[in-house]
Each structure stands twice: as structure tokens, then as C-alpha cells.
Amino acid sequence: MANNEFHNIDQFIEGFTKSKHFEGESYDGIINGIEFLYKGNYYRITKDPIGNEEELKRYFNNYKGEAKIKFMVFPKDTYPLANLIPISSYLGLYENVDDLINLGKIDGKTLKEILISEETEITGLE
């Protein structure tokens, strides 16, 4: 895995399921979002509300769960803010981290496999 923050999928799950820390706290293993480069594309996973959750639910066939986790892709030559990318760039909505890592996929590989792959470069954690 090409990062220094977590060393296995269990550490990612633990960090992603903790609550947000308060402003002024130093990094303590809590992950609110992650950006990574995989096979030439940048991806972002975030728990932050973006403001378009209802539109995203409709886009994903009237998704019935809470849109707590958003998974998106954006071209390598652009690096927009999440709220500015088109709905078609979203790859999935998930209620929890288990659904994210097991159901979220890129080219048929689960995010569980991708996040710990040597091919994956973690470019940002928040």
C-alpha cells in the first residue's frame, strides 16, 4: 500500500468509522475522506455532506439508504472540488464502510482490494 497513514484494510475501516475530530486536534487516525490515484485516475471517497445528496440518490435509481459515503472519479488532468464535479462522475453511495469496501468497485476489483494494492497511491487523507 502506497501510503504512510494506515497499513492494512482494518486500520482504514477503523479510521473511517470513527467520528470526526474537532478543529484544532491533530491527526489521530480518523479518516473523513481519502483521495487516491489508481491506474491513471484520481478517486475520492468522502463522508462530508456535499449538498447534492438528494440528486445523487435519484441518479442511483432512487437509492433508499442514507448517502453517508460518496465515491467518485475525476480525470487526471482536473482536480475539482467534489461539489463541482458532474453527477456522472459519482461511482456509488454507501451507508457504511463495509458496503463501501465490498460493493464499491473499479474494473471489477473491490475497493477493499484496491485500497491495499501496491498499484494504489494515496494522494490525500482528511
Protein backbone atom coordinates (compact mmCIF):
# COMPACT_ATOMS: atom_id res chain seq x y z
CA MET A 1 0.00 0.00 0.00
CA ALA A 2 1.48 3.31 -1.07
CA ASN A 3 0.76 5.44 2.00
CA ASN A 4 2.10 6.05 5.47
CA GLU A 5 -1.15 6.62 7.36
CA PHE A 6 -2.67 3.15 7.54
CA HIS A 7 -1.05 -0.18 6.81
CA ASN A 8 -3.93 -2.57 6.29
CA ILE A 9 -7.62 -2.52 5.47
CA ASP A 10 -8.61 -2.93 9.14
CA GLN A 11 -6.85 0.34 10.03
CA PHE A 12 -8.68 2.08 7.18
CA ILE A 13 -12.03 0.68 8.37
CA GLU A 14 -11.33 1.72 11.96
CA GLY A 15 -10.30 5.24 10.91
CA PHE A 16 -13.24 5.66 8.54
CA THR A 17 -15.85 4.54 11.09
CA LYS A 18 -14.72 6.91 13.88
CA SER A 19 -16.48 10.22 14.34
CA LYS A 20 -14.98 13.43 13.04
CA HIS A 21 -12.45 15.05 15.30
CA PHE A 22 -12.81 18.61 16.45
CA GLU A 23 -10.98 21.55 14.93
CA GLY A 24 -7.57 22.00 16.46
CA GLU A 25 -6.99 18.32 17.16
CA SER A 26 -4.01 16.73 15.49
CA TYR A 27 -4.47 13.77 13.16
CA ASP A 28 -5.45 10.83 15.35
CA GLY A 29 -6.25 8.06 12.88
CA ILE A 30 -9.69 9.40 11.96
CA ILE A 31 -10.36 9.36 8.22
CA ASN A 32 -13.16 11.58 6.90
CA GLY A 33 -12.11 11.31 3.29
CA ILE A 34 -9.44 9.79 1.10
CA GLU A 35 -8.12 10.58 -2.35
CA PHE A 36 -6.09 8.11 -4.35
CA LEU A 37 -4.57 7.51 -7.74
CA TYR A 38 -5.27 4.13 -9.32
CA LYS A 39 -4.44 3.16 -12.90
CA GLY A 40 -4.15 6.76 -14.06
CA ASN A 41 -7.35 8.10 -12.49
CA TYR A 42 -7.96 10.06 -9.32
CA TYR A 43 -10.69 8.87 -6.97
CA ARG A 44 -12.23 10.40 -3.88
CA ILE A 45 -14.21 8.83 -1.07
CA THR A 46 -15.79 11.23 1.40
CA LYS A 47 -18.17 11.25 4.34
CA ASP A 48 -18.65 15.00 4.11
CA PRO A 49 -22.07 16.27 3.04
CA ILE A 50 -21.66 17.86 -0.38
CA GLY A 51 -25.14 19.33 -0.77
CA ASN A 52 -26.31 17.21 -3.69
CA GLU A 53 -27.29 14.07 -1.79
CA GLU A 54 -30.93 14.06 -2.96
CA GLU A 55 -29.87 14.47 -6.59
CA LEU A 56 -27.33 11.65 -6.12
CA LYS A 57 -29.99 9.36 -4.66
CA ARG A 58 -32.16 9.91 -7.75
CA TYR A 59 -29.15 9.31 -10.03
CA PHE A 60 -28.52 5.97 -8.34
CA ASN A 61 -32.02 4.63 -9.05
CA ASN A 62 -33.70 6.29 -6.09
CA TYR A 63 -31.18 4.92 -3.60
CA LYS A 64 -33.10 4.29 -0.38
CA GLY A 65 -30.30 4.38 2.21
CA GLU A 66 -28.57 7.35 3.73
CA ALA A 67 -25.96 8.76 1.37
CA LYS A 68 -23.32 8.87 4.10
CA ILE A 69 -20.34 7.91 1.92
CA LYS A 70 -19.75 9.14 -1.63
CA PHE A 71 -17.32 7.54 -4.10
CA MET A 72 -16.29 9.43 -7.24
CA VAL A 73 -13.74 9.59 -10.05
CA PHE A 74 -12.28 12.59 -11.81
CA PRO A 75 -9.88 12.88 -14.74
CA LYS A 76 -6.17 13.07 -14.01
CA ASP A 77 -5.87 16.48 -15.68
CA THR A 78 -8.55 18.04 -13.47
CA TYR A 79 -8.80 18.23 -9.72
CA PRO A 80 -12.09 19.92 -8.90
CA LEU A 81 -13.83 20.27 -5.60
CA ALA A 82 -16.30 17.45 -5.02
CA ASN A 83 -19.33 19.74 -5.21
CA LEU A 84 -18.30 20.89 -8.69
CA ILE A 85 -17.92 17.53 -10.43
CA PRO A 86 -20.79 16.22 -12.56
CA ILE A 87 -23.17 13.65 -11.11
CA SER A 88 -21.97 11.19 -13.76
CA SER A 89 -18.56 11.13 -12.04
CA TYR A 90 -20.03 9.51 -8.93
CA LEU A 91 -19.49 5.76 -8.78
CA GLY A 92 -21.58 4.96 -5.73
CA LEU A 93 -23.32 5.90 -2.49
CA TYR A 94 -22.93 3.82 0.63
CA GLU A 95 -24.43 3.76 4.12
CA ASN A 96 -21.39 2.27 5.81
CA VAL A 97 -17.74 1.44 5.26
CA ASP A 98 -18.38 -2.32 4.89
CA ASP A 99 -20.68 -1.70 1.92
CA LEU A 100 -18.14 0.76 0.50
CA ILE A 101 -15.16 -1.61 0.53
CA ASN A 102 -17.09 -4.72 -0.52
CA LEU A 103 -19.53 -3.27 -3.09
CA GLY A 104 -17.52 -0.32 -4.42
CA LYS A 105 -15.56 -1.45 -7.48
CA ILE A 106 -13.16 -0.24 -10.13
CA ASP A 107 -12.65 -2.50 -13.15
CA GLY A 108 -14.22 -5.43 -11.28
CA LYS A 109 -11.91 -5.13 -8.24
CA THR A 110 -13.38 -4.20 -4.87
CA LEU A 111 -12.20 -1.14 -3.01
CA LYS A 112 -11.03 -3.50 -0.29
CA GLU A 113 -8.51 -4.92 -2.78
CA ILE A 114 -7.68 -1.56 -4.35
CA LEU A 115 -7.02 0.36 -1.14
CA ILE A 116 -4.33 -2.11 -0.07
CA SER A 117 -2.85 -2.60 -3.55
CA GLU A 118 0.71 -1.56 -4.36
CA GLU A 119 -0.77 -0.03 -7.54
CA THR A 120 -2.68 2.50 -5.45
CA GLU A 121 -1.12 5.78 -4.42
CA ILE A 122 -2.88 7.55 -1.56
CA THR A 123 -2.70 11.24 -2.51
CA GLY A 124 -4.65 12.70 0.40
CA LEU A 125 -6.37 11.93 3.69
CA GLU A 126 -8.61 14.27 5.59
